[in-house]
Protein backbone atom coordinates (compact mmCIF):
# COMPACT_ATOMS: atom_id res chain seq x y z
CA UNK A 1 85.05 151.78 101.33
CA UNK A 2 82.56 153.79 99.39
CA UNK A 3 80.41 154.76 102.43
CA UNK A 4 83.80 155.77 104.23
CA UNK A 5 84.61 158.06 101.28
CA UNK A 6 80.90 159.29 101.40
CA UNK A 7 81.39 160.36 104.56
CA UNK A 8 84.58 161.73 104.84
CA UNK A 9 83.38 163.88 102.04
CA UNK A 10 80.35 165.01 103.62
CA UNK A 11 82.40 166.18 106.92
CA UNK A 12 80.66 163.93 109.36
CA UNK A 13 83.26 161.87 109.96
CA UNK A 14 84.55 163.52 113.07
CA UNK A 15 81.29 163.52 114.73
CA UNK A 16 80.90 159.84 114.09
CA UNK A 17 84.08 159.20 115.91
CA UNK A 18 83.23 161.48 118.98
CA UNK A 19 80.16 159.99 119.52
CA UNK A 20 81.23 156.46 118.55
CA UNK A 21 84.17 156.62 121.40
CA UNK A 22 81.75 158.30 123.86
CA UNK A 23 79.54 155.69 123.72
CA UNK A 24 82.29 153.15 124.12
CA UNK A 25 83.30 154.95 127.46
CA UNK A 26 79.82 154.21 128.75
CA UNK A 27 79.82 150.78 128.07
CA UNK A 28 83.03 150.75 130.18
CA UNK A 29 81.35 152.43 133.22
CA UNK A 30 80.70 149.17 135.29
CA UNK A 31 84.50 147.80 134.54
CA UNK A 32 87.65 147.51 136.48
CA UNK A 33 88.94 150.58 138.28
CA UNK A 34 92.13 151.03 140.55
CA UNK A 35 92.93 152.71 143.38
CA UNK A 36 93.23 156.27 141.48
CA UNK A 37 89.38 155.81 141.58
CA UNK A 38 89.56 155.85 145.34
CA UNK A 39 92.35 158.62 144.87
CA UNK A 40 89.99 161.19 143.18
CA UNK A 41 87.20 160.01 145.50
CA UNK A 42 89.32 161.04 148.36
CA UNK A 43 90.32 164.62 146.48
CA UNK A 44 86.96 165.23 146.00
CA UNK A 45 86.17 164.64 149.55
CA UNK A 46 89.48 166.88 150.97
CA UNK A 47 88.70 170.08 148.83
CA UNK A 48 84.80 170.06 149.75
CA UNK A 49 84.96 169.28 153.46
CA UNK A 50 88.06 171.02 154.42
CA UNK A 51 89.42 175.03 154.04
CA UNK A 52 91.77 175.31 151.42
CA UNK A 53 94.64 175.56 154.54
CA UNK A 54 94.36 171.98 155.34
CA UNK A 55 93.98 170.52 151.39
CA UNK A 56 97.87 169.73 151.28
CA UNK A 57 98.10 168.75 154.87
CA UNK A 58 95.22 166.27 155.11
CA UNK A 59 96.39 162.51 155.43
CA UNK A 60 93.74 160.37 156.91
CA UNK A 61 93.95 158.63 153.54
CA UNK A 62 97.32 157.26 152.16
CA UNK A 63 95.85 159.06 148.67
CA UNK A 64 97.16 162.44 149.85
CA UNK A 65 96.39 165.10 147.18
CA UNK A 66 100.02 165.73 145.43
CA UNK A 67 98.55 167.45 142.26
CA UNK A 68 98.93 170.96 141.69
CA UNK A 69 96.39 173.48 142.79
CA UNK A 70 94.36 173.66 139.83
CA UNK A 71 93.55 170.34 140.03
CA UNK A 72 92.77 170.72 143.33
CA UNK A 73 89.99 173.38 142.48
CA UNK A 74 88.55 171.21 139.66
CA UNK A 75 87.95 168.59 142.23
CA UNK A 76 86.54 171.06 144.55
CA UNK A 77 84.15 172.09 141.25
CA UNK A 78 83.40 168.48 140.74
CA UNK A 79 82.61 168.22 144.55
CA UNK A 80 79.90 170.48 144.27
CA UNK A 81 77.96 168.35 141.59
CA UNK A 82 78.87 165.13 143.46
CA UNK A 83 77.19 165.88 146.54
CA UNK A 84 73.89 165.84 144.36
CA UNK A 85 74.69 162.04 143.60
CA UNK A 86 76.15 160.88 147.09
CA UNK A 87 76.77 163.03 149.91
CA UNK A 88 78.73 160.52 151.58
CA UNK A 89 81.59 160.08 149.02
CA UNK A 90 82.49 163.69 150.20
CA UNK A 91 82.98 162.30 154.01
CA UNK A 92 87.00 162.40 154.45
CA UNK A 93 86.45 159.58 156.88
CA UNK A 94 84.58 157.26 154.37
CA UNK A 95 87.85 155.44 153.40
CA UNK A 96 87.32 153.48 150.49
CA UNK A 97 83.84 154.36 149.84
CA UNK A 98 81.86 153.11 146.90
CA UNK A 99 78.51 153.09 146.08
CA UNK A 100 76.41 152.95 142.55
CA UNK A 101 75.57 156.73 142.60
CA UNK A 102 79.73 157.54 143.31
CA UNK A 103 80.76 155.12 140.63
CA UNK A 104 78.39 156.97 137.95
CA UNK A 105 79.38 160.31 139.34
CA UNK A 106 83.15 159.72 138.67
CA UNK A 107 82.50 157.74 135.51
CA UNK A 108 80.67 160.36 134.01
CA UNK A 109 82.55 163.46 135.48
CA UNK A 110 85.54 162.00 133.07
CA UNK A 111 83.49 161.19 129.87
CA UNK A 112 81.76 164.89 130.28
CA UNK A 113 85.05 166.53 130.58
CA UNK A 114 86.65 164.75 127.92
CA UNK A 115 84.73 167.11 125.46
CA UNK A 116 87.94 169.46 125.69
CA UNK A 117 89.92 166.56 124.24
CA UNK A 118 87.75 165.90 121.54
CA UNK A 119 87.44 169.33 120.86
CA UNK A 120 91.55 169.81 121.15
CA UNK A 121 91.69 166.84 118.63
CA UNK A 122 89.06 168.77 116.08
CA UNK A 123 91.47 171.75 116.34
CA UNK A 124 94.74 169.46 115.46
CA UNK A 125 92.89 168.23 112.49
CA UNK A 126 93.09 172.05 111.00
CA UNK A 127 96.62 171.98 111.40
CA UNK A 128 97.30 169.21 108.90
CA UNK A 129 97.62 170.88 105.03
CA UNK A 130 95.77 168.84 102.23
CA UNK A 131 98.75 169.11 99.88
CA UNK A 132 97.22 166.94 97.15
CA UNK A 133 94.16 167.89 95.11
CA UNK A 134 90.91 166.42 95.98
CA UNK A 135 88.56 166.88 98.98
CA UNK A 136 88.82 163.18 99.94
CA UNK A 137 92.78 163.22 99.80
CA UNK A 138 92.78 166.12 102.21
CA UNK A 139 90.43 164.85 104.56
CA UNK A 140 92.18 161.15 104.78
CA UNK A 141 95.04 162.16 106.96
CA UNK A 142 92.57 164.16 109.30
CA UNK A 143 90.65 161.01 109.68
CA UNK A 144 93.64 159.27 110.52
CA UNK A 145 95.00 161.43 113.12
CA UNK A 146 91.09 161.68 114.71
CA UNK A 147 91.32 157.65 115.12
CA UNK A 148 94.85 157.57 116.31
CA UNK A 149 93.95 160.36 119.01
CA UNK A 150 90.36 159.71 119.95
CA UNK A 151 90.12 156.11 119.70
CA UNK A 152 93.68 155.52 121.49
CA UNK A 153 93.47 152.29 123.56
CA UNK A 154 96.22 153.56 125.91
CA UNK A 155 94.00 156.75 127.11
CA UNK A 156 90.84 154.13 127.20
CA UNK A 157 92.54 151.64 129.44
CA UNK A 158 94.06 154.75 131.74
CA UNK A 159 91.05 156.73 131.93
CA UNK A 160 88.12 154.58 131.18
CA UNK A 161 89.04 151.47 132.80
CA UNK A 162 92.05 152.30 135.42
CA UNK A 163 90.39 155.73 136.01
CA UNK A 164 92.01 159.07 135.84
CA UNK A 165 91.45 162.69 134.12
CA UNK A 166 94.20 162.83 131.55
CA UNK A 167 91.91 163.28 128.60
CA UNK A 168 90.65 166.22 129.93
CA UNK A 169 94.67 167.23 130.40
CA UNK A 170 95.77 166.23 127.40
CA UNK A 171 93.01 167.88 125.55
CA UNK A 172 94.79 170.97 127.37
CA UNK A 173 98.17 170.20 125.79
CA UNK A 174 96.96 169.01 122.08
CA UNK A 175 95.01 172.49 122.22
CA UNK A 176 98.22 174.15 123.31
CA UNK A 177 100.06 172.55 120.36
CA UNK A 178 97.36 173.27 117.86
CA UNK A 179 97.53 177.05 118.84
CA UNK A 180 101.40 177.00 118.51
CA UNK A 181 100.86 175.43 114.94
CA UNK A 182 98.24 178.26 114.20
CA UNK A 183 100.72 180.83 114.91
CA UNK A 184 98.64 182.22 117.98
CA UNK A 185 101.71 181.65 120.12
CA UNK A 186 100.21 183.65 123.28
CA UNK A 187 97.04 181.55 123.70
CA UNK A 188 99.44 178.39 123.22
CA UNK A 189 101.62 179.54 126.28
CA UNK A 190 98.88 180.52 128.41
CA UNK A 191 97.42 177.18 128.00
CA UNK A 192 100.13 175.15 128.68
CA UNK A 193 100.94 177.70 131.63
CA UNK A 194 97.41 176.45 133.15
CA UNK A 195 98.26 172.77 132.21
CA UNK A 196 101.14 173.12 134.01
CA UNK A 197 99.42 173.70 137.24
CA UNK A 198 96.77 171.06 136.57
CA UNK A 199 99.61 168.34 136.50
CA UNK A 200 103.35 168.95 137.25
CA UNK A 201 104.38 165.70 134.83
CA UNK A 202 104.16 168.11 131.86
CA UNK A 203 107.34 169.90 133.38
CA UNK A 204 108.80 167.21 130.95
CA UNK A 205 108.11 168.88 127.57
CA UNK A 206 108.55 172.64 129.10
CA UNK A 207 111.91 172.81 127.48
CA UNK A 208 110.75 172.36 123.85
CA UNK A 209 107.86 175.03 124.61
CA UNK A 210 110.15 177.49 126.21
CA UNK A 211 112.83 177.24 123.37
CA UNK A 212 110.10 177.25 120.61
CA UNK A 213 108.30 180.39 122.32
CA UNK A 214 111.53 182.11 122.25
CA UNK A 215 112.70 181.43 118.90
CA UNK A 216 109.74 181.89 116.80
CA UNK A 217 108.01 184.29 118.68
CA UNK A 218 110.55 186.48 120.18
CA UNK A 219 112.30 186.93 117.40
CA UNK A 220 110.49 188.89 114.62
CA UNK A 221 112.45 187.95 111.50
CA UNK A 222 115.05 185.21 110.22
CA UNK A 223 117.90 184.76 108.04
CA UNK A 224 117.45 183.32 104.49
CA UNK A 225 119.26 180.21 106.10
CA UNK A 226 116.97 180.31 109.24
CA UNK A 227 119.39 181.43 111.56
CA UNK A 228 118.05 184.43 114.40
CA UNK A 229 118.40 187.84 113.47
CA UNK A 230 119.67 188.93 116.67
CA UNK A 231 118.81 192.67 116.19
CA UNK A 232 114.80 191.53 115.57
CA UNK A 233 114.31 190.00 119.43
CA UNK A 234 111.40 191.80 120.94
CA UNK A 235 111.76 192.07 124.69
CA UNK A 236 108.28 193.14 124.67
CA UNK A 237 107.07 189.73 123.70
CA UNK A 238 109.25 188.29 125.92
CA UNK A 239 107.81 190.07 128.98
CA UNK A 240 104.38 189.30 127.58
CA UNK A 241 105.05 185.90 127.56
CA UNK A 242 106.99 186.26 131.19
CA UNK A 243 103.49 187.79 132.22
CA UNK A 244 101.43 184.94 131.34
CA UNK A 245 103.51 182.58 133.21
CA UNK A 246 103.73 184.90 136.00
CA UNK A 247 100.17 185.76 136.46
CA UNK A 248 99.03 182.01 136.06
CA UNK A 249 101.85 181.16 138.67
CA UNK A 250 100.16 183.96 141.09
CA UNK A 251 96.93 182.54 140.71
CA UNK A 252 97.57 178.98 141.43
CA UNK A 253 100.66 179.47 143.90
CA UNK A 254 99.81 182.49 145.59
CA UNK A 255 97.12 181.59 148.14
CA UNK A 256 99.68 179.08 149.32
CA UNK A 257 102.23 181.60 149.45
CA UNK A 258 100.39 183.65 151.34
CA UNK A 259 99.62 180.76 153.97
CA UNK A 260 103.50 180.01 153.76
CA UNK A 261 102.42 176.70 152.76
CA UNK A 262 104.00 176.74 149.48
CA UNK A 263 107.18 174.52 151.02
CA UNK A 264 104.54 171.78 151.86
CA UNK A 265 102.49 171.97 148.49
CA UNK A 266 106.05 171.68 146.82
CA UNK A 267 106.92 168.33 148.80
CA UNK A 268 103.42 167.04 148.15
CA UNK A 269 104.15 167.31 144.39
CA UNK A 270 108.19 166.34 144.37
CA UNK A 271 107.65 162.99 146.75
CA UNK A 272 111.43 161.76 146.04
CA UNK A 273 111.08 159.48 149.15
CA UNK A 274 109.17 156.81 146.78
CA UNK A 275 112.12 155.47 145.25
CA UNK A 276 113.91 155.50 141.62
CA UNK A 277 111.07 153.41 140.32
CA UNK A 278 107.34 152.69 140.31
CA UNK A 279 105.70 149.26 141.66
CA UNK A 280 105.67 148.33 138.46
CA UNK A 281 108.76 149.39 136.59
CA UNK A 282 108.04 151.76 133.73
CA UNK A 283 110.10 150.35 130.52
CA UNK A 284 112.65 153.06 130.75
CA UNK A 285 116.54 152.71 131.04
CA UNK A 286 116.19 152.14 134.80
CA UNK A 287 114.20 149.20 134.02
CA UNK A 288 117.20 147.52 132.36
CA UNK A 289 119.74 148.98 135.05
CA UNK A 290 117.61 147.21 137.81
CA UNK A 291 117.75 143.91 135.48
CA UNK A 292 121.50 144.35 135.02
CA UNK A 293 121.89 144.83 139.08
CA UNK A 294 119.50 141.75 139.45
CA UNK A 295 121.18 139.29 137.00
CA UNK A 296 124.66 140.31 138.57
CA UNK A 297 123.48 139.51 141.96
CA UNK A 298 122.04 136.26 140.94
CA UNK A 299 125.27 135.41 139.61
CA UNK A 300 127.32 136.35 142.30
CA UNK A 301 124.95 134.08 144.86
CA UNK A 302 125.24 131.12 142.38
CA UNK A 303 129.17 131.63 142.35
CA UNK A 304 129.24 132.48 146.14
CA UNK A 305 130.69 135.72 145.40
CA UNK A 306 127.80 137.79 147.39
CA UNK A 307 126.51 136.71 151.05
CA UNK A 308 122.86 135.93 150.66
CA UNK A 309 122.41 137.49 154.13
CA UNK A 310 123.13 140.86 153.17
CA UNK A 311 120.98 140.83 150.11
CA UNK A 312 117.21 141.78 150.84
CA UNK A 313 114.92 139.32 148.86
CA UNK A 314 113.19 140.68 145.88
CA UNK A 315 114.02 144.06 147.30
CA UNK A 316 113.51 145.74 144.00
CA UNK A 317 110.65 143.61 142.35
CA UNK A 318 108.62 143.36 145.28
CA UNK A 319 105.90 145.59 143.81
CA UNK A 320 106.07 147.96 146.23
CA UNK A 321 106.38 151.59 146.28
CA UNK A 322 109.54 152.11 148.18
CA UNK A 323 113.47 153.10 148.48
CA UNK A 324 115.99 150.39 147.84
CA UNK A 325 119.54 149.93 147.25
CA UNK A 326 121.13 148.46 144.43
CA UNK A 327 123.14 145.11 145.13
CA UNK A 328 126.09 145.40 143.03
CA UNK A 329 125.67 148.51 140.81
CA UNK A 330 126.11 151.98 142.31
CA UNK A 331 122.77 153.18 143.52
CA UNK A 332 120.87 155.97 142.08
CA UNK A 333 120.21 159.29 143.23
CA UNK A 334 117.50 161.39 142.20
CA UNK A 335 120.28 164.28 141.28
CA UNK A 336 121.75 161.44 138.88
CA UNK A 337 118.19 160.81 137.32
CA UNK A 338 117.95 164.86 136.50
CA UNK A 339 121.30 164.97 135.49
CA UNK A 340 120.64 161.78 133.05
CA UNK A 341 117.48 163.17 131.88
CA UNK A 342 119.01 167.10 131.10
CA UNK A 343 121.63 165.32 129.05
CA UNK A 344 119.07 163.43 127.14
CA UNK A 345 116.77 166.39 126.45
CA UNK A 346 119.76 169.03 125.58
CA UNK A 347 120.49 168.08 121.82
CA UNK A 348 117.02 167.99 120.92
CA UNK A 349 116.62 171.48 122.75
CA UNK A 350 119.80 172.62 120.87
CA UNK A 351 118.40 171.53 117.33
CA UNK A 352 114.97 173.32 117.80
CA UNK A 353 117.05 176.43 118.21
CA UNK A 354 119.75 175.69 115.82
CA UNK A 355 118.16 173.89 113.16
CA UNK A 356 114.59 175.13 112.98
CA UNK A 357 111.95 173.53 111.53
CA UNK A 358 108.47 175.51 112.44
CA UNK A 359 106.00 173.77 114.35
CA UNK A 360 106.94 170.17 113.25
CA UNK A 361 110.53 170.20 114.45
CA UNK A 362 108.81 172.10 118.05
CA UNK A 363 106.51 168.59 118.26
CA UNK A 364 109.54 166.51 117.35
CA UNK A 365 111.60 168.13 120.16
CA UNK A 366 108.46 168.25 122.62
CA UNK A 367 108.17 163.77 121.73
CA UNK A 368 111.92 164.09 122.60
CA UNK A 369 111.47 165.80 125.59
CA UNK A 370 108.67 163.31 126.60
CA UNK A 371 110.44 160.26 125.66
CA UNK A 372 113.91 161.56 127.45
CA UNK A 373 112.06 162.08 131.01
CA UNK A 374 110.46 159.08 130.56
CA UNK A 375 113.62 157.04 130.14
CA UNK A 376 115.50 158.64 132.40
CA UNK A 377 113.34 160.39 134.97
CA UNK A 378 112.75 159.14 138.76
CA UNK A 379 110.03 157.32 139.69
CA UNK A 380 108.11 157.52 136.66
CA UNK A 381 104.76 155.73 135.98
CA UNK A 382 104.44 153.59 133.00
CA UNK A 383 101.42 155.31 132.02
CA UNK A 384 103.90 158.56 131.60
CA UNK A 385 104.40 157.09 127.76
CA UNK A 386 101.61 158.78 126.74
CA UNK A 387 102.52 162.18 127.06
CA UNK A 388 105.23 161.20 124.21
CA UNK A 389 102.67 158.74 122.02
CA UNK A 390 99.66 161.35 121.91
CA UNK A 391 101.35 163.96 120.17
CA UNK A 392 103.46 161.65 117.87
CA UNK A 393 102.28 161.71 114.10
CA UNK A 394 103.88 159.65 111.42
CA UNK A 395 104.49 160.77 108.12
CA UNK A 396 106.36 157.12 106.72
CA UNK A 397 104.99 153.85 107.07
CA UNK A 398 104.58 152.97 110.52
CA UNK A 399 106.72 149.69 110.55
CA UNK A 400 109.57 148.03 109.06
CA UNK A 401 109.73 144.52 108.98
CA UNK A 402 111.95 144.50 112.57
CA UNK A 403 109.59 146.39 113.98
CA UNK A 404 106.74 144.25 113.07
CA UNK A 405 108.40 141.36 114.43
CA UNK A 406 109.21 143.32 117.75
CA UNK A 407 105.86 143.98 118.17
CA UNK A 408 104.34 140.27 117.23
CA UNK A 409 106.96 139.57 120.17
CA UNK A 410 104.52 141.10 122.90
CA UNK A 411 102.35 138.39 122.08
CA UNK A 412 104.43 135.14 123.20
CA UNK A 413 105.68 137.22 126.04
CA UNK A 414 102.24 137.82 127.66
CA UNK A 415 101.49 134.20 127.20
CA UNK A 416 104.29 133.08 128.78
CA UNK A 417 104.05 135.64 131.71
CA UNK A 418 100.30 135.12 132.33
CA UNK A 419 99.99 131.36 131.26
CA UNK A 420 103.28 129.66 131.53
CA UNK A 421 105.07 131.04 134.33
CA UNK A 422 102.77 130.65 137.14
CA UNK A 423 102.86 126.79 136.66
CA UNK A 424 106.78 126.84 136.56
CA UNK A 425 108.55 125.74 139.74
CA UNK A 426 110.47 129.20 138.90
CA UNK A 427 107.58 131.05 140.21
CA UNK A 428 108.49 130.30 143.82
CA UNK A 429 112.51 130.82 143.37
CA UNK A 430 112.19 133.83 140.84
CA UNK A 431 108.83 135.63 141.24
CA UNK A 432 110.03 138.62 139.78
CA UNK A 433 110.50 137.19 136.14
CA UNK A 434 107.16 138.23 134.78
CA UNK A 435 108.10 141.99 135.88
CA UNK A 436 111.69 141.54 134.63
CA UNK A 437 110.91 140.50 131.38
CA UNK A 438 107.93 142.86 130.70
CA UNK A 439 109.79 145.77 131.64
CA UNK A 440 113.02 144.89 129.77
CA UNK A 441 111.53 143.94 126.51
CA UNK A 442 109.43 147.23 126.68
CA UNK A 443 112.21 149.15 127.50
CA UNK A 444 114.05 148.03 124.50
CA UNK A 445 111.31 149.03 122.17
CA UNK A 446 110.99 152.18 123.56
CA UNK A 447 114.75 152.76 123.82
CA UNK A 448 115.04 152.25 119.98
CA UNK A 449 112.17 154.29 119.43
CA UNK A 450 114.08 157.13 121.10
CA UNK A 451 116.94 156.62 119.34
CA UNK A 452 115.41 156.52 115.76
CA UNK A 453 113.62 159.57 116.36
CA UNK A 454 116.78 161.54 117.60
CA UNK A 455 118.70 160.11 114.60
CA UNK A 456 116.22 161.41 112.42
CA UNK A 457 116.44 165.31 114.34
CA UNK A 458 119.73 165.17 114.20
CA UNK A 459 120.22 164.23 110.62
CA UNK A 460 117.24 166.18 109.02
CA UNK A 461 118.22 169.60 107.38
CA UNK A 462 117.06 173.01 108.84
CA UNK A 463 113.92 174.37 107.34
CA UNK A 464 114.68 175.27 103.70
CA UNK A 465 117.19 173.28 103.02
CA UNK A 466 116.90 169.67 101.48
CA UNK A 467 118.95 166.45 102.07
CA UNK A 468 121.58 165.82 99.25
CA UNK A 469 120.84 162.62 97.31
């Protein structure tokens, strides 16, 4: 403990944390990687070997380019380094190509681009105010935040085992958040606009950004109670924000608009034909909805209220990306998920406007927007929970006894699903049980966290006011 205090006091702890996690990522180079490894290799080949006009039409591989143009150009830039490692990885026809040099290049490309994430975490730490006397006490919350971000286990699994470039992308998001905390609004808006054209999943949190920038930047003065002075609205600032969004969008989408390819790009970015749920259900509201439908269908069959010939076997739990129809409950459309998501987001946006709490209120709204989209969105990937987890900072004790009991329950659940269930007679008749149990259990926890945060946001007073004791 004394050594830790000395290190923190000397200001070297951040470099030690960053170096340590980088070395860990290097150790993870030979570990398992998912199909996303081939996805990004294929995107390297597409952007390197084909003209821009064919990027969003190429379909030799099933893993077609489905990220916004800035990410395509990012892959294009990487491909010009990749050719010095292994030229064969850049051949579009070499499906599922793998070599030691390809592995090294792709792993190191993630590690090196994570430098932006490290820098963003450093900037986020600057936004924490030390309210207690003494440098050691001031540094402690920054140290905790750095550990929670740099050593985030979920991000390590996704980027350095599963394989993605989410560290680089989350770096852009955290840096934009830091700039808003530092009242560098234009820079924060620019970074977020760029981020949207790297990966469109960040549209989830766009309502928080738009509301906060309009509220805190376009209105140049507020009343003592925190409400806006309508005569202080700055059209110049609004036009400046609009110009940033327009220029970034024009740079990203303009070439494809000029080639009359914008509809094709958008069809790749929003593939609604993939169905309501991902192959492995994200633990959200639709997992609970699917489970209820599954339970009702099983009961219906047992009670002979349903015709077994008209029910597809394990249609929702086959582990495939596909469209399906619910058996008992009404089937869900993309429009229905959009309406549910908007309804879930709106209260947090209204609170951000009518109960301003500064950057802290913005961050809480951002987290609620991310959680609401995760809970009610269409075809949500389970990894999308990181969008809410990484920006989350807790100022109170992490868990109460009920929450700790819930987390401890994950252990027995995993033991049952992985080691007990495969040896039971249920494996053949009900193969969907592990997926169902895991999704439902985790969905209950995430829904609880979403509800608890919402209660906190709705009951907290605006800036400058305190709760009555």
